[in-house]
Amino acid sequence: MDRIEELADMLEVIKALAKLENTSFSDVVKVAEEKCDKRGGFEDKIFLEKVVDKK
């Protein structure tokens, strides 16, 4: 149950940040879903660790 409460807290932070950006939580969710469709999500637990710029 503690993890669920922490996730709920994270959602409240995201809602507050969305409000600061003059957008809605549902707009944030929509963008997240579009990014997931385009780039993939985190279900496979694969994370980008660094980017090397070879300029």
C-alpha atoms as a PDB file:
ATOM      1  CA  MET A   1       0.000   0.000   0.000  1.00  0.00           C
ATOM      2  CA  ASP A   2       2.897   2.403   0.674  1.00  0.00           C
ATOM      3  CA  ARG A   3       3.971   2.295  -2.971  1.00  0.00           C
ATOM      4  CA  ILE A   4       0.443   3.095  -4.114  1.00  0.00           C
ATOM      5  CA  GLU A   5       0.390   6.123  -1.834  1.00  0.00           C
ATOM      6  CA  GLU A   6       3.751   7.258  -3.213  1.00  0.00           C
ATOM      7  CA  LEU A   7       2.426   6.872  -6.763  1.00  0.00           C
ATOM      8  CA  ALA A   8      -0.599   8.953  -5.782  1.00  0.00           C
ATOM      9  CA  ASP A   9       1.752  11.655  -4.476  1.00  0.00           C
ATOM     10  CA  MET A  10       3.637  11.605  -7.768  1.00  0.00           C
ATOM     11  CA  LEU A  11       0.379  12.096  -9.647  1.00  0.00           C
ATOM     12  CA  GLU A  12      -0.413  15.133  -7.503  1.00  0.00           C
ATOM     13  CA  VAL A  13       2.988  16.615  -8.359  1.00  0.00           C
ATOM     14  CA  ILE A  14       2.378  16.021 -12.066  1.00  0.00           C
ATOM     15  CA  LYS A  15      -1.075  17.612 -11.832  1.00  0.00           C
ATOM     16  CA  ALA A  16       0.415  20.665 -10.114  1.00  0.00           C
ATOM     17  CA  LEU A  17       3.178  20.960 -12.729  1.00  0.00           C
ATOM     18  CA  ALA A  18       0.618  20.681 -15.523  1.00  0.00           C
ATOM     19  CA  LYS A  19      -1.367  23.496 -13.943  1.00  0.00           C
ATOM     20  CA  LEU A  20       1.773  25.669 -13.823  1.00  0.00           C
ATOM     21  CA  GLU A  21       2.156  25.052 -17.565  1.00  0.00           C
ATOM     22  CA  ASN A  22      -1.479  26.055 -18.138  1.00  0.00           C
ATOM     23  CA  THR A  23      -2.393  22.596 -19.367  1.00  0.00           C
ATOM     24  CA  SER A  24      -4.424  19.709 -18.021  1.00  0.00           C
ATOM     25  CA  PHE A  25      -3.413  16.376 -16.584  1.00  0.00           C
ATOM     26  CA  SER A  26      -5.284  14.686 -19.444  1.00  0.00           C
ATOM     27  CA  ASP A  27      -3.157  16.626 -21.958  1.00  0.00           C
ATOM     28  CA  VAL A  28      -0.016  15.380 -20.208  1.00  0.00           C
ATOM     29  CA  VAL A  29      -1.332  11.807 -20.366  1.00  0.00           C
ATOM     30  CA  LYS A  30      -2.134  12.227 -24.073  1.00  0.00           C
ATOM     31  CA  VAL A  31       1.407  13.431 -24.844  1.00  0.00           C
ATOM     32  CA  ALA A  32       2.871  10.584 -22.772  1.00  0.00           C
ATOM     33  CA  GLU A  33       0.824   8.033 -24.727  1.00  0.00           C
ATOM     34  CA  GLU A  34       1.902   9.562 -28.048  1.00  0.00           C
ATOM     35  CA  LYS A  35       5.557   9.442 -26.986  1.00  0.00           C
ATOM     36  CA  CYS A  36       5.168   5.844 -25.851  1.00  0.00           C
ATOM     37  CA  ASP A  37       3.629   4.876 -29.187  1.00  0.00           C
ATOM     38  CA  LYS A  38       6.441   6.608 -31.070  1.00  0.00           C
ATOM     39  CA  ARG A  39       9.471   5.795 -28.899  1.00  0.00           C
ATOM     40  CA  GLY A  40       8.356   2.959 -26.666  1.00  0.00           C
ATOM     41  CA  GLY A  41       7.814   2.873 -22.954  1.00  0.00           C
ATOM     42  CA  PHE A  42       9.579   1.519 -19.907  1.00  0.00           C
ATOM     43  CA  GLU A  43       7.861  -1.871 -19.648  1.00  0.00           C
ATOM     44  CA  ASP A  44      11.029  -3.710 -20.705  1.00  0.00           C
ATOM     45  CA  LYS A  45      13.068  -1.779 -18.105  1.00  0.00           C
ATOM     46  CA  ILE A  46      15.487  -0.470 -20.740  1.00  0.00           C
ATOM     47  CA  PHE A  47      16.734   3.019 -19.929  1.00  0.00           C
ATOM     48  CA  LEU A  48      18.980   5.472 -21.739  1.00  0.00           C
ATOM     49  CA  GLU A  49      21.986   6.038 -19.499  1.00  0.00           C
ATOM     50  CA  LYS A  50      23.920   8.638 -21.466  1.00  0.00           C
ATOM     51  CA  VAL A  51      24.175  10.417 -24.791  1.00  0.00           C
ATOM     52  CA  VAL A  52      27.534  11.113 -26.395  1.00  0.00           C
ATOM     53  CA  ASP A  53      27.738  14.103 -28.712  1.00  0.00           C
ATOM     54  CA  LYS A  54      30.459  13.543 -31.316  1.00  0.00           C
ATOM     55  CA  LYS A  55      30.801  17.102 -32.626  1.00  0.00           C
END
